[in-house]
Amino acid sequence: MPAVHLQPVDADSFYRVIKLKTRPEQKGFVADNVFSIAEAKVHSTFVPLAIYADQSLVGFTMYGFDPDA
């Protein structure tokens, strides 16, 4: 089984992360990755992370405190 781990989105992973796409049925539930990464630059409480299985990029996630929620 692959080892799953999280890494900060950095200059090396940025373009690969923004190329990741959701399935069509997920479109209404999550923002595009590029929007989320930009939002994290504006709101310091958001943390964008790349998801890896071993050394392969497999996903993206973000967590943080949303003061507007």
Protein backbone atom coordinates (compact mmCIF):
# COMPACT_ATOMS: atom_id res chain seq x y z
CA MET A 1 0.00 0.00 0.00
CA PRO A 2 1.41 3.45 -0.86
CA ALA A 3 2.40 5.85 1.89
CA VAL A 4 0.07 8.85 1.76
CA HIS A 5 1.43 12.18 2.96
CA LEU A 6 0.76 15.91 2.69
CA GLN A 7 3.24 18.55 1.54
CA PRO A 8 2.89 22.32 1.18
CA VAL A 9 2.15 23.50 -2.34
CA ASP A 10 5.42 25.04 -3.51
CA ALA A 11 7.01 26.25 -6.74
CA ASP A 12 7.83 22.68 -7.75
CA SER A 13 4.29 21.34 -7.31
CA PHE A 14 2.19 24.44 -8.13
CA TYR A 15 1.57 23.78 -11.84
CA ARG A 16 0.91 20.08 -11.29
CA VAL A 17 -1.56 20.87 -8.51
CA ILE A 18 -3.53 23.40 -10.56
CA LYS A 19 -3.78 20.89 -13.42
CA LEU A 20 -5.60 18.41 -11.17
CA LYS A 21 -9.31 18.30 -11.98
CA THR A 22 -12.36 17.16 -10.09
CA ARG A 23 -14.91 14.81 -11.55
CA PRO A 24 -17.86 16.54 -13.22
CA GLU A 25 -20.22 15.50 -10.41
CA GLN A 26 -17.94 17.24 -7.86
CA LYS A 27 -17.85 20.62 -9.64
CA GLY A 28 -20.50 22.31 -7.50
CA PHE A 29 -18.91 21.29 -4.22
CA VAL A 30 -15.27 22.43 -4.44
CA ALA A 31 -13.45 25.42 -5.92
CA ASP A 32 -10.78 25.05 -8.57
CA ASN A 33 -7.36 24.43 -7.05
CA VAL A 34 -5.89 27.63 -8.48
CA PHE A 35 -8.66 29.66 -6.78
CA SER A 36 -8.05 27.92 -3.45
CA ILE A 37 -4.29 28.54 -3.63
CA ALA A 38 -4.91 32.22 -4.44
CA GLU A 39 -7.39 32.44 -1.57
CA ALA A 40 -4.75 31.03 0.78
CA LYS A 41 -2.41 33.85 -0.23
CA VAL A 42 -5.04 36.43 0.78
CA HIS A 43 -6.28 34.66 3.93
CA SER A 44 -3.36 33.56 6.08
CA THR A 45 -5.56 31.13 8.02
CA PHE A 46 -5.93 28.82 4.97
CA VAL A 47 -3.31 26.14 4.35
CA PRO A 48 -3.17 24.53 0.87
CA LEU A 49 -1.56 21.08 0.70
CA ALA A 50 -0.61 18.66 -2.06
CA ILE A 51 -1.53 15.02 -1.42
CA TYR A 52 1.03 12.38 -2.40
CA ALA A 53 0.89 8.59 -2.57
CA ASP A 54 4.54 7.67 -2.24
CA GLN A 55 6.13 10.18 -4.64
CA SER A 56 3.11 10.63 -6.94
CA LEU A 57 0.89 13.71 -6.67
CA VAL A 58 -2.67 12.43 -6.34
CA GLY A 59 -4.71 15.31 -4.92
CA PHE A 60 -5.11 18.65 -3.25
CA THR A 61 -6.69 19.79 0.00
CA MET A 62 -6.94 22.97 2.02
CA TYR A 63 -7.88 23.61 5.62
CA GLY A 64 -8.20 26.69 7.77
CA PHE A 65 -10.46 29.07 9.63
CA ASP A 66 -12.99 30.91 7.47
CA PRO A 67 -13.92 34.14 9.24
CA ASP A 68 -16.91 34.58 6.90
CA ALA A 69 -18.47 31.22 7.79
